[in-house]
Amino acid sequence: MWLLLPWWIREFWYWLYYYRRGKIKYVVWDYGDTYMAAASDGQWTVWHCYGSTPEQAKQVATYRLKQKIETPRD
């Protein structure tokens, strides 16, 4: 169903449901024997978080996003 909607409707839904509620959006890709995850909180996004299972990849993404949020801006 999401593939049939225009991109701006999907982005609005992500903004409304995930980012405004303080939630983190995860996307996990399967690369055969490894998984790559990305996490976003609407302000920061981290990519290239690898793990041998989808859960491990999401944990790495959560950890890196938390590090990025806690790091002071220049």
Protein backbone atom coordinates (compact mmCIF):
# COMPACT_ATOMS: atom_id res chain seq x y z
CA MET A 1 0.00 0.00 0.00
CA TRP A 2 2.79 2.47 0.88
CA LEU A 3 4.28 2.03 -2.57
CA LEU A 4 1.10 3.32 -4.20
CA LEU A 5 1.08 6.60 -2.25
CA PRO A 6 3.03 9.67 -3.34
CA TRP A 7 6.33 10.26 -1.54
CA TRP A 8 5.09 13.39 0.24
CA ILE A 9 2.25 11.50 1.93
CA ARG A 10 4.70 8.89 3.24
CA GLU A 11 7.06 11.61 4.51
CA PHE A 12 4.19 13.43 6.21
CA TRP A 13 3.11 10.20 7.88
CA TYR A 14 6.66 9.56 9.13
CA TRP A 15 6.84 13.10 10.47
CA LEU A 16 3.44 12.86 12.16
CA TYR A 17 3.72 9.37 13.59
CA TYR A 18 7.41 8.90 14.35
CA TYR A 19 9.18 12.21 14.76
CA ARG A 20 6.51 14.26 16.53
CA ARG A 21 6.02 11.53 19.10
CA GLY A 22 9.72 11.24 19.86
CA LYS A 23 9.94 7.83 18.28
CA ILE A 24 12.84 6.46 16.28
CA LYS A 25 12.29 5.17 12.76
CA TYR A 26 14.34 2.09 11.85
CA VAL A 27 15.01 0.63 8.42
CA VAL A 28 16.84 -2.69 8.12
CA TRP A 29 18.25 -4.13 4.89
CA ASP A 30 19.22 -7.77 4.36
CA TYR A 31 22.63 -8.24 2.70
CA GLY A 32 22.72 -12.04 2.76
CA ASP A 33 24.77 -12.96 5.81
CA THR A 34 24.70 -9.46 7.39
CA TYR A 35 22.11 -6.78 7.99
CA MET A 36 22.46 -3.02 7.72
CA ALA A 37 20.26 -0.65 9.70
CA ALA A 38 19.53 3.05 9.68
CA ALA A 39 17.86 4.98 12.48
CA SER A 40 16.38 8.46 12.48
CA ASP A 41 14.70 10.62 15.09
CA GLY A 42 13.74 13.36 12.64
CA GLN A 43 16.75 15.53 13.44
CA TRP A 44 19.62 13.05 13.23
CA THR A 45 20.09 9.99 11.04
CA VAL A 46 22.73 7.28 11.30
CA TRP A 47 23.56 4.79 8.54
CA HIS A 48 25.84 1.80 8.04
CA CYS A 49 25.04 0.03 11.31
CA TYR A 50 25.85 -3.62 10.68
CA GLY A 51 24.94 -6.78 12.59
CA SER A 52 24.58 -10.48 12.01
CA THR A 53 20.86 -10.34 12.89
CA PRO A 54 18.27 -7.59 12.36
CA GLU A 55 18.05 -7.05 16.13
CA GLN A 56 21.81 -6.56 16.45
CA ALA A 57 21.84 -4.09 13.58
CA LYS A 58 19.02 -2.13 15.25
CA GLN A 59 20.91 -2.14 18.56
CA VAL A 60 24.02 -0.74 16.85
CA ALA A 61 21.88 1.92 15.15
CA THR A 62 20.26 2.85 18.47
CA TYR A 63 23.66 3.10 20.17
CA ARG A 64 25.15 5.27 17.40
CA LEU A 65 22.08 7.52 17.32
CA LYS A 66 22.25 7.96 21.10
CA GLN A 67 25.95 8.86 20.81
CA LYS A 68 25.18 11.38 18.07
CA ILE A 69 22.40 13.03 20.09
CA GLU A 70 24.56 13.30 23.22
CA THR A 71 27.52 14.78 21.33
CA PRO A 72 27.50 18.59 21.60
CA ARG A 73 27.18 20.53 18.38
CA ASP A 74 29.98 22.75 17.17
